[in-house]
Amino acid sequence: MVVCTSRAKVMLYDDSNKQWLPAGTGPQAFSRVQIYHNPTANSFRVVGRKMQPDQQVVINCAIVRGIKYNQATPNFHQLTPALSPLPPPGGGPPPPPAPAAWASQNGPSPEEVEQHKR
């Protein structure tokens, strides 16, 4: 079941070069990004396809508790509430909700973001 759909340019962060790169191949284009929910398994997945004739898949990733993602700015995305109902790896009851700062960052530090704005 599709939980939400959005139009976006999907970018992936290249840790080795410390920069954002367009996802997929060819020219950067808008993608239709959808979050799917499987209520039977209580699992979520994000899938993005370019809005071009080939509909190239640019992201296809399970959303699991502990996923590493980068919040480039405060308004970049709000994923933490979607992670709260997920069971921990290995099953069992979900732990109590953690503060918003629990998410790991695999992108630029706040200082690197500020440097790129200048």
PDB file of N, CA and C in Angstrom:
ATOM      1  N   MET A   1       0.836  -1.154   0.000  1.00  0.00           N
ATOM      2  CA  MET A   1       0.000   0.000   0.000  1.00  0.00           C
ATOM      3  C   MET A   1       0.899   1.241   0.000  1.00  0.00           C
ATOM      4  N   VAL A   2       0.606   2.207  -0.881  1.00  0.00           N
ATOM      5  CA  VAL A   2       1.369   3.453  -0.943  1.00  0.00           C
ATOM      6  C   VAL A   2       0.902   4.380   0.175  1.00  0.00           C
ATOM      7  N   VAL A   3       1.829   4.802   1.007  1.00  0.00           N
ATOM      8  CA  VAL A   3       1.530   5.706   2.118  1.00  0.00           C
ATOM      9  C   VAL A   3       1.572   7.157   1.647  1.00  0.00           C
ATOM     10  N   CYS A   4       2.566   7.487   0.824  1.00  0.00           N
ATOM     11  CA  CYS A   4       2.658   8.839   0.287  1.00  0.00           C
ATOM     12  C   CYS A   4       3.481   8.831  -0.997  1.00  0.00           C
ATOM     13  N   THR A   5       3.248   9.853  -1.804  1.00  0.00           N
ATOM     14  CA  THR A   5       3.947  10.029  -3.074  1.00  0.00           C
ATOM     15  C   THR A   5       4.429  11.464  -3.160  1.00  0.00           C
ATOM     16  N   SER A   6       5.630  11.643  -3.694  1.00  0.00           N
ATOM     17  CA  SER A   6       6.181  12.970  -3.855  1.00  0.00           C
ATOM     18  C   SER A   6       7.010  13.035  -5.131  1.00  0.00           C
ATOM     19  N   ARG A   7       7.139  14.224  -5.669  1.00  0.00           N
ATOM     20  CA  ARG A   7       7.992  14.464  -6.826  1.00  0.00           C
ATOM     21  C   ARG A   7       9.262  15.105  -6.296  1.00  0.00           C
ATOM     22  N   ALA A   8      10.426  14.524  -6.620  1.00  0.00           N
ATOM     23  CA  ALA A   8      11.677  15.036  -6.069  1.00  0.00           C
ATOM     24  C   ALA A   8      12.849  14.705  -6.978  1.00  0.00           C
ATOM     25  N   LYS A   9      13.922  15.445  -6.802  1.00  0.00           N
ATOM     26  CA  LYS A   9      15.187  15.083  -7.436  1.00  0.00           C
ATOM     27  C   LYS A   9      15.957  14.292  -6.388  1.00  0.00           C
ATOM     28  N   VAL A  10      16.220  13.036  -6.674  1.00  0.00           N
ATOM     29  CA  VAL A  10      16.866  12.142  -5.720  1.00  0.00           C
ATOM     30  C   VAL A  10      18.381  12.320  -5.825  1.00  0.00           C
ATOM     31  N   MET A  11      18.994  12.577  -4.689  1.00  0.00           N
ATOM     32  CA  MET A  11      20.438  12.765  -4.611  1.00  0.00           C
ATOM     33  C   MET A  11      20.993  11.769  -3.592  1.00  0.00           C
ATOM     34  N   LEU A  12      22.205  11.304  -3.843  1.00  0.00           N
ATOM     35  CA  LEU A  12      22.903  10.423  -2.915  1.00  0.00           C
ATOM     36  C   LEU A  12      24.183  11.116  -2.480  1.00  0.00           C
ATOM     37  N   TYR A  13      24.549  10.944  -1.225  1.00  0.00           N
ATOM     38  CA  TYR A  13      25.748  11.599  -0.712  1.00  0.00           C
ATOM     39  C   TYR A  13      26.950  10.692  -0.903  1.00  0.00           C
ATOM     40  N   ASP A  14      27.984  11.219  -1.534  1.00  0.00           N
ATOM     41  CA  ASP A  14      29.234  10.497  -1.761  1.00  0.00           C
ATOM     42  C   ASP A  14      30.185  10.855  -0.628  1.00  0.00           C
ATOM     43  N   ASP A  15      30.326   9.947   0.339  1.00  0.00           N
ATOM     44  CA  ASP A  15      31.174  10.207   1.504  1.00  0.00           C
ATOM     45  C   ASP A  15      32.624  10.472   1.117  1.00  0.00           C
ATOM     46  N   SER A  16      33.138   9.738   0.121  1.00  0.00           N
ATOM     47  CA  SER A  16      34.548   9.874  -0.224  1.00  0.00           C
ATOM     48  C   SER A  16      34.867  11.250  -0.801  1.00  0.00           C
ATOM     49  N   ASN A  17      33.945  11.827  -1.573  1.00  0.00           N
ATOM     50  CA  ASN A  17      34.178  13.149  -2.168  1.00  0.00           C
ATOM     51  C   ASN A  17      33.453  14.271  -1.435  1.00  0.00           C
ATOM     52  N   LYS A  18      32.703  13.922  -0.401  1.00  0.00           N
ATOM     53  CA  LYS A  18      31.972  14.904   0.406  1.00  0.00           C
ATOM     54  C   LYS A  18      31.073  15.795  -0.447  1.00  0.00           C
ATOM     55  N   GLN A  19      30.253  15.146  -1.306  1.00  0.00           N
ATOM     56  CA  GLN A  19      29.334  15.925  -2.135  1.00  0.00           C
ATOM     57  C   GLN A  19      28.096  15.109  -2.477  1.00  0.00           C
ATOM     58  N   TRP A  20      27.024  15.829  -2.815  1.00  0.00           N
ATOM     59  CA  TRP A  20      25.780  15.215  -3.238  1.00  0.00           C
ATOM     60  C   TRP A  20      25.853  14.958  -4.741  1.00  0.00           C
ATOM     61  N   LEU A  21      25.410  13.771  -5.161  1.00  0.00           N
ATOM     62  CA  LEU A  21      25.408  13.410  -6.573  1.00  0.00           C
ATOM     63  C   LEU A  21      24.006  12.966  -6.978  1.00  0.00           C
ATOM     64  N   PRO A  22      23.610  13.255  -8.224  1.00  0.00           N
ATOM     65  CA  PRO A  22      22.298  12.787  -8.688  1.00  0.00           C
ATOM     66  C   PRO A  22      22.250  11.260  -8.680  1.00  0.00           C
ATOM     67  N   ALA A  23      21.133  10.703  -8.257  1.00  0.00           N
ATOM     68  CA  ALA A  23      20.952   9.254  -8.260  1.00  0.00           C
ATOM     69  C   ALA A  23      20.638   8.796  -9.680  1.00  0.00           C
ATOM     70  N   GLY A  24      21.024   7.586 -10.005  1.00  0.00           N
ATOM     71  CA  GLY A  24      20.738   7.032 -11.319  1.00  0.00           C
ATOM     72  C   GLY A  24      21.757   7.472 -12.353  1.00  0.00           C
ATOM     73  N   THR A  25      21.466   7.128 -13.602  1.00  0.00           N
ATOM     74  CA  THR A  25      22.358   7.483 -14.696  1.00  0.00           C
ATOM     75  C   THR A  25      21.655   8.457 -15.627  1.00  0.00           C
ATOM     76  N   GLY A  26      22.437   9.084 -16.489  1.00  0.00           N
ATOM     77  CA  GLY A  26      21.860  10.028 -17.443  1.00  0.00           C
ATOM     78  C   GLY A  26      21.588  11.363 -16.787  1.00  0.00           C
ATOM     79  N   PRO A  27      20.838  12.224 -17.501  1.00  0.00           N
ATOM     80  CA  PRO A  27      20.581  13.566 -16.976  1.00  0.00           C
ATOM     81  C   PRO A  27      19.732  13.509 -15.705  1.00  0.00           C
ATOM     82  N   GLN A  28      19.999  14.482 -14.827  1.00  0.00           N
ATOM     83  CA  GLN A  28      19.205  14.560 -13.602  1.00  0.00           C
ATOM     84  C   GLN A  28      17.782  14.963 -13.971  1.00  0.00           C
ATOM     85  N   ALA A  29      16.817  14.263 -13.418  1.00  0.00           N
ATOM     86  CA  ALA A  29      15.415  14.550 -13.704  1.00  0.00           C
ATOM     87  C   ALA A  29      14.606  14.307 -12.439  1.00  0.00           C
ATOM     88  N   PHE A  30      13.387  14.823 -12.430  1.00  0.00           N
ATOM     89  CA  PHE A  30      12.507  14.562 -11.295  1.00  0.00           C
ATOM     90  C   PHE A  30      12.112  13.091 -11.272  1.00  0.00           C
ATOM     91  N   SER A  31      11.906  12.608 -10.067  1.00  0.00           N
ATOM     92  CA  SER A  31      11.478  11.228  -9.849  1.00  0.00           C
ATOM     93  C   SER A  31      10.188  11.232  -9.055  1.00  0.00           C
ATOM     94  N   ARG A  32       9.426  10.172  -9.200  1.00  0.00           N
ATOM     95  CA  ARG A  32       8.252   9.943  -8.354  1.00  0.00           C
ATOM     96  C   ARG A  32       8.747   9.046  -7.226  1.00  0.00           C
ATOM     97  N   VAL A  33       8.734   9.581  -6.011  1.00  0.00           N
ATOM     98  CA  VAL A  33       9.222   8.850  -4.840  1.00  0.00           C
ATOM     99  C   VAL A  33       8.010   8.462  -4.010  1.00  0.00           C
ATOM    100  N   GLN A  34       7.926   7.168  -3.693  1.00  0.00           N
ATOM    101  CA  GLN A  34       6.791   6.665  -2.927  1.00  0.00           C
ATOM    102  C   GLN A  34       7.268   5.878  -1.720  1.00  0.00           C
ATOM    103  N   ILE A  35       6.515   5.988  -0.644  1.00  0.00           N
ATOM    104  CA  ILE A  35       6.763   5.163   0.541  1.00  0.00           C
ATOM    105  C   ILE A  35       5.654   4.132   0.600  1.00  0.00           C
ATOM    106  N   TYR A  36       6.068   2.872   0.642  1.00  0.00           N
ATOM    107  CA  TYR A  36       5.142   1.753   0.697  1.00  0.00           C
ATOM    108  C   TYR A  36       5.113   1.174   2.107  1.00  0.00           C
ATOM    109  N   HIS A  37       3.939   0.703   2.518  1.00  0.00           N
ATOM    110  CA  HIS A  37       3.780   0.052   3.818  1.00  0.00           C
ATOM    111  C   HIS A  37       3.174  -1.318   3.617  1.00  0.00           C
ATOM    112  N   ASN A  38       3.793  -2.325   4.210  1.00  0.00           N
ATOM    113  CA  ASN A  38       3.249  -3.676   4.222  1.00  0.00           C
ATOM    114  C   ASN A  38       2.702  -3.897   5.629  1.00  0.00           C
ATOM    115  N   PRO A  39       1.363  -3.757   5.812  1.00  0.00           N
ATOM    116  CA  PRO A  39       0.811  -3.862   7.166  1.00  0.00           C
ATOM    117  C   PRO A  39       0.967  -5.252   7.768  1.00  0.00           C
ATOM    118  N   THR A  40       0.999  -6.287   6.957  1.00  0.00           N
ATOM    119  CA  THR A  40       1.150  -7.648   7.482  1.00  0.00           C
ATOM    120  C   THR A  40       2.496  -7.807   8.175  1.00  0.00           C
ATOM    121  N   ALA A  41       3.546  -7.308   7.541  1.00  0.00           N
ATOM    122  CA  ALA A  41       4.896  -7.418   8.100  1.00  0.00           C
ATOM    123  C   ALA A  41       5.289  -6.162   8.886  1.00  0.00           C
ATOM    124  N   ASN A  42       4.411  -5.151   8.905  1.00  0.00           N
ATOM    125  CA  ASN A  42       4.715  -3.850   9.506  1.00  0.00           C
ATOM    126  C   ASN A  42       6.073  -3.348   9.020  1.00  0.00           C
ATOM    127  N   SER A  43       6.248  -3.345   7.691  1.00  0.00           N
ATOM    128  CA  SER A  43       7.500  -2.889   7.102  1.00  0.00           C
ATOM    129  C   SER A  43       7.229  -1.767   6.110  1.00  0.00           C
ATOM    130  N   PHE A  44       8.266  -0.970   5.874  1.00  0.00           N
ATOM    131  CA  PHE A  44       8.172   0.169   4.977  1.00  0.00           C
ATOM    132  C   PHE A  44       9.308   0.115   3.967  1.00  0.00           C
ATOM    133  N   ARG A  45       9.106   0.720   2.807  1.00  0.00           N
ATOM    134  CA  ARG A  45      10.111   0.778   1.743  1.00  0.00           C
ATOM    135  C   ARG A  45       9.923   2.082   0.994  1.00  0.00           C
ATOM    136  N   VAL A  46      11.037   2.710   0.601  1.00  0.00           N
ATOM    137  CA  VAL A  46      10.982   3.901  -0.239  1.00  0.00           C
ATOM    138  C   VAL A  46      11.497   3.508  -1.626  1.00  0.00           C
ATOM    139  N   VAL A  47      10.718   3.881  -2.646  1.00  0.00           N
ATOM    140  CA  VAL A  47      11.060   3.568  -4.026  1.00  0.00           C
ATOM    141  C   VAL A  47      10.907   4.833  -4.854  1.00  0.00           C
ATOM    142  N   GLY A  48      11.912   5.122  -5.664  1.00  0.00           N
ATOM    143  CA  GLY A  48      11.857   6.284  -6.546  1.00  0.00           C
ATOM    144  C   GLY A  48      12.184   5.878  -7.970  1.00  0.00           C
ATOM    145  N   ARG A  49      11.377   6.365  -8.918  1.00  0.00           N
ATOM    146  CA  ARG A  49      11.598   6.117 -10.348  1.00  0.00           C
ATOM    147  C   ARG A  49      11.597   7.445 -11.072  1.00  0.00           C
ATOM    148  N   LYS A  50      12.537   7.601 -12.014  1.00  0.00           N
ATOM    149  CA  LYS A  50      12.578   8.830 -12.807  1.00  0.00           C
ATOM    150  C   LYS A  50      11.271   8.981 -13.573  1.00  0.00           C
ATOM    151  N   MET A  51      10.837  10.213 -13.695  1.00  0.00           N
ATOM    152  CA  MET A  51       9.602  10.516 -14.423  1.00  0.00           C
ATOM    153  C   MET A  51       9.939  10.732 -15.898  1.00  0.00           C
ATOM    154  N   GLN A  52      10.587   9.748 -16.484  1.00  0.00           N
ATOM    155  CA  GLN A  52      10.956   9.739 -17.892  1.00  0.00           C
ATOM    156  C   GLN A  52      10.471   8.420 -18.469  1.00  0.00           C
ATOM    157  N   PRO A  53      10.458   8.281 -19.800  1.00  0.00           N
ATOM    158  CA  PRO A  53       9.926   7.055 -20.397  1.00  0.00           C
ATOM    159  C   PRO A  53      10.543   5.761 -19.868  1.00  0.00           C
ATOM    160  N   ASP A  54      11.851   5.771 -19.546  1.00  0.00           N
ATOM    161  CA  ASP A  54      12.466   4.525 -19.065  1.00  0.00           C
ATOM    162  C   ASP A  54      12.140   4.212 -17.604  1.00  0.00           C
ATOM    163  N   GLN A  55      11.633   5.175 -16.844  1.00  0.00           N
ATOM    164  CA  GLN A  55      11.263   5.024 -15.431  1.00  0.00           C
ATOM    165  C   GLN A  55      12.360   4.336 -14.618  1.00  0.00           C
ATOM    166  N   GLN A  56      13.585   4.788 -14.828  1.00  0.00           N
ATOM    167  CA  GLN A  56      14.737   4.212 -14.125  1.00  0.00           C
ATOM    168  C   GLN A  56      14.550   4.290 -12.611  1.00  0.00           C
ATOM    169  N   VAL A  57      14.809   3.191 -11.913  1.00  0.00           N
ATOM    170  CA  VAL A  57      14.744   3.164 -10.455  1.00  0.00           C
ATOM    171  C   VAL A  57      15.989   3.869  -9.917  1.00  0.00           C
ATOM    172  N   VAL A  58      15.782   4.919  -9.118  1.00  0.00           N
ATOM    173  CA  VAL A  58      16.906   5.684  -8.570  1.00  0.00           C
ATOM    174  C   VAL A  58      17.094   5.439  -7.072  1.00  0.00           C
ATOM    175  N   ILE A  59      16.083   4.889  -6.433  1.00  0.00           N
ATOM    176  CA  ILE A  59      16.209   4.494  -5.027  1.00  0.00           C
ATOM    177  C   ILE A  59      15.194   3.391  -4.757  1.00  0.00           C
ATOM    178  N   ASN A  60      15.628   2.384  -4.016  1.00  0.00           N
ATOM    179  CA  ASN A  60      14.772   1.272  -3.598  1.00  0.00           C
ATOM    180  C   ASN A  60      15.379   0.751  -2.312  1.00  0.00           C
ATOM    181  N   CYS A  61      14.832   1.174  -1.197  1.00  0.00           N
ATOM    182  CA  CYS A  61      15.477   0.920   0.086  1.00  0.00           C
ATOM    183  C   CYS A  61      14.437   0.624   1.160  1.00  0.00           C
ATOM    184  N   ALA A  62      14.676  -0.426   1.921  1.00  0.00           N
ATOM    185  CA  ALA A  62      13.821  -0.715   3.077  1.00  0.00           C
ATOM    186  C   ALA A  62      14.075   0.357   4.136  1.00  0.00           C
ATOM    187  N   ILE A  63      13.022   0.747   4.815  1.00  0.00           N
ATOM    188  CA  ILE A  63      13.145   1.694   5.929  1.00  0.00           C
ATOM    189  C   ILE A  63      13.064   0.863   7.195  1.00  0.00           C
ATOM    190  N   VAL A  64      14.181   0.771   7.886  1.00  0.00           N
ATOM    191  CA  VAL A  64      14.247  -0.041   9.099  1.00  0.00           C
ATOM    192  C   VAL A  64      14.801   0.797  10.241  1.00  0.00           C
ATOM    193  N   ARG A  65      14.455   0.392  11.437  1.00  0.00           N
ATOM    194  CA  ARG A  65      14.980   1.092  12.610  1.00  0.00           C
ATOM    195  C   ARG A  65      16.507   1.015  12.561  1.00  0.00           C
ATOM    196  N   GLY A  66      17.156   2.145  12.790  1.00  0.00           N
ATOM    197  CA  GLY A  66      18.613   2.196  12.768  1.00  0.00           C
ATOM    198  C   GLY A  66      19.192   2.506  11.394  1.00  0.00           C
ATOM    199  N   ILE A  67      18.319   2.745  10.393  1.00  0.00           N
ATOM    200  CA  ILE A  67      18.812   3.060   9.057  1.00  0.00           C
ATOM    201  C   ILE A  67      19.685   4.307   9.122  1.00  0.00           C
ATOM    202  N   LYS A  68      20.769   4.312   8.342  1.00  0.00           N
ATOM    203  CA  LYS A  68      21.630   5.483   8.285  1.00  0.00           C
ATOM    204  C   LYS A  68      21.115   6.376   7.173  1.00  0.00           C
ATOM    205  N   TYR A  69      20.835   7.604   7.514  1.00  0.00           N
ATOM    206  CA  TYR A  69      20.394   8.575   6.521  1.00  0.00           C
ATOM    207  C   TYR A  69      20.919   9.932   6.931  1.00  0.00           C
ATOM    208  N   ASN A  70      20.891  10.843   6.011  1.00  0.00           N
ATOM    209  CA  ASN A  70      21.411  12.171   6.275  1.00  0.00           C
ATOM    210  C   ASN A  70      20.299  13.194   6.195  1.00  0.00           C
ATOM    211  N   GLN A  71      20.210  14.012   7.199  1.00  0.00           N
ATOM    212  CA  GLN A  71      19.269  15.124   7.187  1.00  0.00           C
ATOM    213  C   GLN A  71      20.101  16.367   6.914  1.00  0.00           C
ATOM    214  N   ALA A  72      20.162  16.763   5.643  1.00  0.00           N
ATOM    215  CA  ALA A  72      21.037  17.859   5.231  1.00  0.00           C
ATOM    216  C   ALA A  72      20.654  19.194   5.861  1.00  0.00           C
ATOM    217  N   THR A  73      19.362  19.426   6.023  1.00  0.00           N
ATOM    218  CA  THR A  73      18.871  20.649   6.658  1.00  0.00           C
ATOM    219  C   THR A  73      17.690  20.257   7.534  1.00  0.00           C
ATOM    220  N   PRO A  74      17.238  21.134   8.432  1.00  0.00           N
ATOM    221  CA  PRO A  74      16.091  20.788   9.278  1.00  0.00           C
ATOM    222  C   PRO A  74      14.837  20.454   8.469  1.00  0.00           C
ATOM    223  N   ASN A  75      14.686  21.035   7.284  1.00  0.00           N
ATOM    224  CA  ASN A  75      13.504  20.767   6.463  1.00  0.00           C
ATOM    225  C   ASN A  75      13.745  19.706   5.391  1.00  0.00           C
ATOM    226  N   PHE A  76      14.909  19.078   5.389  1.00  0.00           N
ATOM    227  CA  PHE A  76      15.269  18.116   4.342  1.00  0.00           C
ATOM    228  C   PHE A  76      14.254  16.978   4.273  1.00  0.00           C
ATOM    229  N   HIS A  77      13.975  16.355   5.365  1.00  0.00           N
ATOM    230  CA  HIS A  77      12.922  15.341   5.465  1.00  0.00           C
ATOM    231  C   HIS A  77      12.654  15.054   6.934  1.00  0.00           C
ATOM    232  N   GLN A  78      11.530  14.466   7.169  1.00  0.00           N
ATOM    233  CA  GLN A  78      11.161  14.108   8.539  1.00  0.00           C
ATOM    234  C   GLN A  78      10.898  12.608   8.556  1.00  0.00           C
ATOM    235  N   LEU A  79      11.943  11.791   8.788  1.00  0.00           N
ATOM    236  CA  LEU A  79      11.826  10.329   8.731  1.00  0.00           C
ATOM    237  C   LEU A  79      11.619   9.707  10.104  1.00  0.00           C
ATOM    238  N   THR A  80      12.063  10.396  11.176  1.00  0.00           N
ATOM    239  CA  THR A  80      12.010   9.804  12.508  1.00  0.00           C
ATOM    240  C   THR A  80      10.614   9.317  12.898  1.00  0.00           C
ATOM    241  N   PRO A  81       9.522  10.090  12.665  1.00  0.00           N
ATOM    242  CA  PRO A  81       8.204   9.579  13.046  1.00  0.00           C
ATOM    243  C   PRO A  81       7.831   8.291  12.312  1.00  0.00           C
ATOM    244  N   ALA A  82       8.300   8.116  11.081  1.00  0.00           N
ATOM    245  CA  ALA A  82       7.993   6.894  10.337  1.00  0.00           C
ATOM    246  C   ALA A  82       8.732   5.693  10.912  1.00  0.00           C
ATOM    247  N   LEU A  83       9.852   5.923  11.576  1.00  0.00           N
ATOM    248  CA  LEU A  83      10.630   4.824  12.135  1.00  0.00           C
ATOM    249  C   LEU A  83      10.101   4.363  13.492  1.00  0.00           C
ATOM    250  N   SER A  84       9.376   5.210  14.191  1.00  0.00           N
ATOM    251  CA  SER A  84       8.921   4.884  15.547  1.00  0.00           C
ATOM    252  C   SER A  84       8.127   3.591  15.642  1.00  0.00           C
ATOM    253  N   PRO A  85       7.186   3.300  14.696  1.00  0.00           N
ATOM    254  CA  PRO A  85       6.412   2.071  14.859  1.00  0.00           C
ATOM    255  C   PRO A  85       7.133   0.808  14.406  1.00  0.00           C
ATOM    256  N   LEU A  86       8.340   0.922  13.874  1.00  0.00           N
ATOM    257  CA  LEU A  86       9.031  -0.252  13.350  1.00  0.00           C
ATOM    258  C   LEU A  86       9.602  -1.104  14.467  1.00  0.00           C
ATOM    259  N   PRO A  87       9.509  -2.421  14.319  1.00  0.00           N
ATOM    260  CA  PRO A  87      10.124  -3.289  15.319  1.00  0.00           C
ATOM    261  C   PRO A  87      11.642  -3.246  15.172  1.00  0.00           C
ATOM    262  N   PRO A  88      12.374  -3.527  16.256  1.00  0.00           N
ATOM    263  CA  PRO A  88      13.829  -3.542  16.162  1.00  0.00           C
ATOM    264  C   PRO A  88      14.272  -4.762  15.358  1.00  0.00           C
ATOM    265  N   PRO A  89      15.495  -4.741  14.815  1.00  0.00           N
ATOM    266  CA  PRO A  89      15.983  -5.912  14.104  1.00  0.00           C
ATOM    267  C   PRO A  89      15.935  -7.133  15.008  1.00  0.00           C
ATOM    268  N   GLY A  90      15.506  -8.261  14.481  1.00  0.00           N
ATOM    269  CA  GLY A  90      15.410  -9.492  15.263  1.00  0.00           C
ATOM    270  C   GLY A  90      14.076  -9.679  15.957  1.00  0.00           C
ATOM    271  N   GLY A  91      13.138  -8.755  15.762  1.00  0.00           N
ATOM    272  CA  GLY A  91      11.796  -8.893  16.334  1.00  0.00           C
ATOM    273  C   GLY A  91      11.711  -8.355  17.745  1.00  0.00           C
ATOM    274  N   GLY A  92      10.640  -8.689  18.403  1.00  0.00           N
ATOM    275  CA  GLY A  92      10.411  -8.200  19.750  1.00  0.00           C
ATOM    276  C   GLY A  92       9.663  -6.893  19.733  1.00  0.00           C
ATOM    277  N   PRO A  93       9.257  -6.411  20.900  1.00  0.00           N
ATOM    278  CA  PRO A  93       8.504  -5.155  20.949  1.00  0.00           C
ATOM    279  C   PRO A  93       9.406  -3.976  20.609  1.00  0.00           C
ATOM    280  N   PRO A  94       8.830  -2.937  19.984  1.00  0.00           N
ATOM    281  CA  PRO A  94       9.650  -1.770  19.669  1.00  0.00           C
ATOM    282  C   PRO A  94      10.056  -1.043  20.935  1.00  0.00           C
ATOM    283  N   PRO A  95      11.258  -0.476  20.933  1.00  0.00           N
ATOM    284  CA  PRO A  95      11.683   0.291  22.105  1.00  0.00           C
ATOM    285  C   PRO A  95      10.920   1.604  22.163  1.00  0.00           C
ATOM    286  N   PRO A  96      10.976   2.291  23.296  1.00  0.00           N
ATOM    287  CA  PRO A  96      10.286   3.582  23.385  1.00  0.00           C
ATOM    288  C   PRO A  96      10.885   4.548  22.368  1.00  0.00           C
ATOM    289  N   PRO A  97      10.081   5.521  21.895  1.00  0.00           N
ATOM    290  CA  PRO A  97      10.596   6.476  20.926  1.00  0.00           C
ATOM    291  C   PRO A  97      11.817   7.212  21.464  1.00  0.00           C
ATOM    292  N   ALA A  98      12.792   7.387  20.587  1.00  0.00           N
ATOM    293  CA  ALA A  98      14.022   8.087  20.954  1.00  0.00           C
ATOM    294  C   ALA A  98      13.914   9.539  20.516  1.00  0.00           C
ATOM    295  N   PRO A  99      14.735  10.395  21.087  1.00  0.00           N
ATOM    296  CA  PRO A  99      14.715  11.788  20.633  1.00  0.00           C
ATOM    297  C   PRO A  99      15.119  11.876  19.171  1.00  0.00           C
ATOM    298  N   ALA A 100      14.749  12.976  18.523  1.00  0.00           N
ATOM    299  CA  ALA A 100      15.010  13.151  17.094  1.00  0.00           C
ATOM    300  C   ALA A 100      16.490  13.063  16.764  1.00  0.00           C
ATOM    301  N   ALA A 101      17.352  13.307  17.707  1.00  0.00           N
ATOM    302  CA  ALA A 101      18.789  13.308  17.427  1.00  0.00           C
ATOM    303  C   ALA A 101      19.374  11.909  17.319  1.00  0.00           C
ATOM    304  N   TRP A 102      18.559  10.844  17.509  1.00  0.00           N
ATOM    305  CA  TRP A 102      19.106   9.479  17.471  1.00  0.00           C
ATOM    306  C   TRP A 102      19.623   9.082  16.115  1.00  0.00           C
ATOM    307  N   ALA A 103      19.114   9.704  15.053  1.00  0.00           N
ATOM    308  CA  ALA A 103      19.450   9.259  13.699  1.00  0.00           C
ATOM    309  C   ALA A 103      20.922   9.509  13.383  1.00  0.00           C
ATOM    310  N   SER A 104      21.539   8.505  12.793  1.00  0.00           N
ATOM    311  CA  SER A 104      22.928   8.630  12.369  1.00  0.00           C
ATOM    312  C   SER A 104      23.014   9.505  11.133  1.00  0.00           C
ATOM    313  N   GLN A 105      24.089  10.229  11.012  1.00  0.00           N
ATOM    314  CA  GLN A 105      24.297  11.001   9.798  1.00  0.00           C
ATOM    315  C   GLN A 105      25.438  10.378   9.030  1.00  0.00           C
ATOM    316  N   ASN A 106      25.234  10.192   7.732  1.00  0.00           N
ATOM    317  CA  ASN A 106      26.309   9.698   6.901  1.00  0.00           C
ATOM    318  C   ASN A 106      26.665  10.724   5.839  1.00  0.00           C
ATOM    319  N   GLY A 107      26.227  11.932   6.010  1.00  0.00           N
ATOM    320  CA  GLY A 107      26.481  12.996   5.054  1.00  0.00           C
ATOM    321  C   GLY A 107      27.385  14.046   5.662  1.00  0.00           C
ATOM    322  N   PRO A 108      27.303  15.249   5.139  1.00  0.00           N
ATOM    323  CA  PRO A 108      28.181  16.315   5.623  1.00  0.00           C
ATOM    324  C   PRO A 108      27.821  16.730   7.039  1.00  0.00           C
ATOM    325  N   SER A 109      28.843  17.171   7.738  1.00  0.00           N
ATOM    326  CA  SER A 109      28.613  17.705   9.075  1.00  0.00           C
ATOM    327  C   SER A 109      27.949  19.072   8.926  1.00  0.00           C
ATOM    328  N   PRO A 110      27.347  19.602   9.991  1.00  0.00           N
ATOM    329  CA  PRO A 110      26.761  20.944   9.906  1.00  0.00           C
ATOM    330  C   PRO A 110      27.777  21.990   9.444  1.00  0.00           C
ATOM    331  N   GLU A 111      29.043  21.817   9.834  1.00  0.00           N
ATOM    332  CA  GLU A 111      30.073  22.759   9.416  1.00  0.00           C
ATOM    333  C   GLU A 111      30.294  22.681   7.900  1.00  0.00           C
ATOM    334  N   GLU A 112      30.313  21.462   7.340  1.00  0.00           N
ATOM    335  CA  GLU A 112      30.492  21.298   5.891  1.00  0.00           C
ATOM    336  C   GLU A 112      29.330  21.904   5.114  1.00  0.00           C
ATOM    337  N   VAL A 113      28.107  21.758   5.654  1.00  0.00           N
ATOM    338  CA  VAL A 113      26.944  22.339   5.003  1.00  0.00           C
ATOM    339  C   VAL A 113      27.093  23.853   4.943  1.00  0.00           C
ATOM    340  N   GLU A 114      27.522  24.457   6.061  1.00  0.00           N
ATOM    341  CA  GLU A 114      27.701  25.915   6.117  1.00  0.00           C
ATOM    342  C   GLU A 114      28.772  26.379   5.136  1.00  0.00           C
ATOM    343  N   GLN A 115      29.858  25.605   4.999  1.00  0.00           N
ATOM    344  CA  GLN A 115      30.934  25.987   4.076  1.00  0.00           C
ATOM    345  C   GLN A 115      30.433  26.018   2.641  1.00  0.00           C
ATOM    346  N   HIS A 116      29.551  25.069   2.269  1.00  0.00           N
ATOM    347  CA  HIS A 116      29.040  25.008   0.905  1.00  0.00           C
ATOM    348  C   HIS A 116      28.065  26.141   0.601  1.00  0.00           C
ATOM    349  N   LYS A 117      27.486  26.749   1.646  1.00  0.00           N
ATOM    350  CA  LYS A 117      26.548  27.859   1.442  1.00  0.00           C
ATOM    351  C   LYS A 117      27.281  29.142   1.075  1.00  0.00           C
ATOM    352  N   ARG A 118      28.553  29.208   1.453  1.00  0.00           N
ATOM    353  CA  ARG A 118      29.323  30.444   1.247  1.00  0.00           C
ATOM    354  C   ARG A 118      29.820  30.552  -0.160  1.00  0.00           C
TER     355      ARG A 118
END
